Amino acid sequence: MLIFTTVFVMIYQNYIGHNVLLYPDRINLVMNAEYFYDSIFTALWVFVLFTFVKKVKIDRHEKLIEMAAQLTLGIYCIHPLYVKVFSRIFEVENVLAGIELWLLILSVSVFGIIILRKTTLGRYMTEI
């Protein structure tokens, strides 16, 4: 179910970005996340994702979950900067390019937060 909803949401967002939200005066596609955060399909995907994660045996993955939890606020705060920068450099013309851009932004955000957390100010800013 998780794989199905993930693929469905990616196809839906790509279709909407190409055919509904495409501005005629722009060459780049409109694939901004603010158009999709309140989508019922995104909400369904998040529900399925969290249901899946809840069923995973936490004992085996506790360290990974703890590390990811410590990075999420920082990634959430810094990723819009990288979205703006990389969206100007790379064009998203299809689903694969969107996935590649997402992976790039996620990777750079994680790396940036890991580096930022090594400073005193960064630890203060990225912890709840």
Protein backbone atom coordinates (compact mmCIF):
# COMPACT_ATOMS: atom_id res chain seq x y z
CA MET A 1 0.00 0.00 0.00
CA LEU A 2 2.86 2.40 0.81
CA ILE A 3 4.52 1.87 -2.55
CA PHE A 4 1.21 2.27 -4.38
CA THR A 5 0.32 5.54 -2.61
CA THR A 6 3.85 6.90 -3.09
CA VAL A 7 3.75 6.24 -6.83
CA PHE A 8 0.20 7.56 -7.10
CA VAL A 9 1.04 10.81 -5.28
CA MET A 10 4.14 11.34 -7.43
CA ILE A 11 2.15 10.84 -10.63
CA TYR A 12 -0.68 13.07 -9.37
CA GLN A 13 1.67 15.90 -8.40
CA ASN A 14 3.56 15.61 -11.67
CA TYR A 15 0.31 15.73 -13.65
CA ILE A 16 -0.98 18.75 -11.73
CA GLY A 17 2.36 20.51 -12.10
CA HIS A 18 2.46 19.89 -15.85
CA ASN A 19 -1.16 20.35 -16.85
CA VAL A 20 -2.93 22.47 -14.26
CA LEU A 21 -0.44 24.79 -12.60
CA LEU A 22 1.82 25.43 -15.58
CA TYR A 23 2.01 29.14 -16.15
CA PRO A 24 2.02 29.98 -19.88
CA ASP A 25 4.69 32.67 -19.49
CA ARG A 26 7.15 30.36 -17.73
CA ILE A 27 9.22 27.62 -19.25
CA ASN A 28 9.85 25.87 -15.92
CA LEU A 29 7.16 23.68 -14.48
CA VAL A 30 5.35 24.70 -11.34
CA MET A 31 6.26 21.95 -8.91
CA ASN A 32 6.21 23.98 -5.72
CA ALA A 33 5.31 22.01 -2.65
CA GLU A 34 2.83 24.58 -1.33
CA TYR A 35 0.40 23.42 -4.00
CA PHE A 36 0.46 19.86 -2.67
CA TYR A 37 0.74 20.00 1.15
CA ASP A 38 -3.01 20.26 1.66
CA SER A 39 -3.92 17.67 -0.96
CA ILE A 40 -6.09 14.78 0.22
CA PHE A 41 -3.72 12.43 -1.60
CA THR A 42 -0.71 13.77 0.29
CA ALA A 43 -2.61 13.41 3.57
CA LEU A 44 -3.44 9.80 2.64
CA TRP A 45 0.21 9.15 1.78
CA VAL A 46 1.37 10.55 5.14
CA PHE A 47 -1.20 8.42 6.94
CA VAL A 48 -0.03 5.27 5.15
CA LEU A 49 3.62 6.16 5.75
CA PHE A 50 3.14 6.68 9.49
CA THR A 51 1.03 3.52 9.74
CA PHE A 52 3.84 1.60 8.05
CA VAL A 53 6.51 3.12 10.31
CA LYS A 54 4.41 2.35 13.38
CA LYS A 55 4.32 -1.35 12.43
CA VAL A 56 8.09 -1.56 11.98
CA LYS A 57 9.92 -3.17 14.89
CA ILE A 58 11.47 -0.13 16.56
CA ASP A 59 14.02 -2.07 18.60
CA ARG A 60 16.04 -2.91 15.50
CA HIS A 61 15.91 0.59 14.05
CA GLU A 62 15.87 2.72 17.21
CA LYS A 63 19.23 4.42 16.54
CA LEU A 64 18.27 5.30 12.95
CA ILE A 65 14.89 6.68 14.04
CA GLU A 66 16.51 8.71 16.80
CA MET A 67 19.05 10.19 14.37
CA ALA A 68 16.34 11.03 11.83
CA ALA A 69 14.17 12.62 14.52
CA GLN A 70 17.02 14.91 15.54
CA LEU A 71 17.47 16.12 11.96
CA THR A 72 13.85 16.63 10.87
CA LEU A 73 13.24 20.12 12.28
CA GLY A 74 16.47 21.42 10.78
CA ILE A 75 15.72 19.83 7.41
CA TYR A 76 12.21 21.28 7.46
CA CYS A 77 13.58 24.76 8.16
CA ILE A 78 16.45 24.75 5.66
CA HIS A 79 15.03 22.84 2.69
CA PRO A 80 13.09 25.80 1.19
CA LEU A 81 16.42 27.58 0.62
CA TYR A 82 17.78 24.60 -1.30
CA VAL A 83 14.52 24.21 -3.22
CA LYS A 84 14.85 27.81 -4.47
CA VAL A 85 18.52 27.42 -5.37
CA PHE A 86 18.30 24.04 -7.10
CA SER A 87 15.01 24.81 -8.84
CA ARG A 88 16.75 27.66 -10.64
CA ILE A 89 19.59 25.39 -11.70
CA PHE A 90 17.69 22.21 -12.64
CA GLU A 91 14.45 21.89 -14.59
CA VAL A 92 11.95 19.24 -13.56
CA GLU A 93 10.64 17.82 -16.80
CA ASN A 94 9.44 14.40 -15.66
CA VAL A 95 8.91 12.24 -12.59
CA LEU A 96 12.47 10.88 -12.61
CA ALA A 97 13.93 14.39 -12.66
CA GLY A 98 11.63 15.30 -9.76
CA ILE A 99 12.84 12.31 -7.76
CA GLU A 100 16.45 13.17 -8.51
CA LEU A 101 15.90 16.79 -7.44
CA TRP A 102 14.15 15.62 -4.26
CA LEU A 103 17.05 13.29 -3.42
CA LEU A 104 19.56 16.08 -4.07
CA ILE A 105 17.69 18.55 -1.87
CA LEU A 106 17.23 15.94 0.88
CA SER A 107 20.91 14.96 0.78
CA VAL A 108 22.19 18.53 0.83
CA SER A 109 19.73 19.44 3.61
CA VAL A 110 20.81 16.48 5.76
CA PHE A 111 24.49 17.24 5.18
CA GLY A 112 23.94 20.95 5.92
CA ILE A 113 22.10 20.22 9.17
CA ILE A 114 24.73 17.70 10.30
CA ILE A 115 27.41 20.36 9.76
CA LEU A 116 25.27 23.08 11.38
CA ARG A 117 24.59 20.91 14.45
CA LYS A 118 28.32 20.75 15.12
CA THR A 119 28.21 24.46 16.04
CA THR A 120 26.76 25.79 19.28
CA LEU A 121 24.27 28.03 17.48
CA GLY A 122 23.23 25.19 15.17
CA ARG A 123 22.49 22.84 18.07
CA TYR A 124 20.36 25.53 19.66
CA MET A 125 18.49 26.29 16.42
CA THR A 126 17.71 22.71 15.35
CA GLU A 127 16.65 21.12 18.63
CA ILE A 128 13.17 21.22 20.05
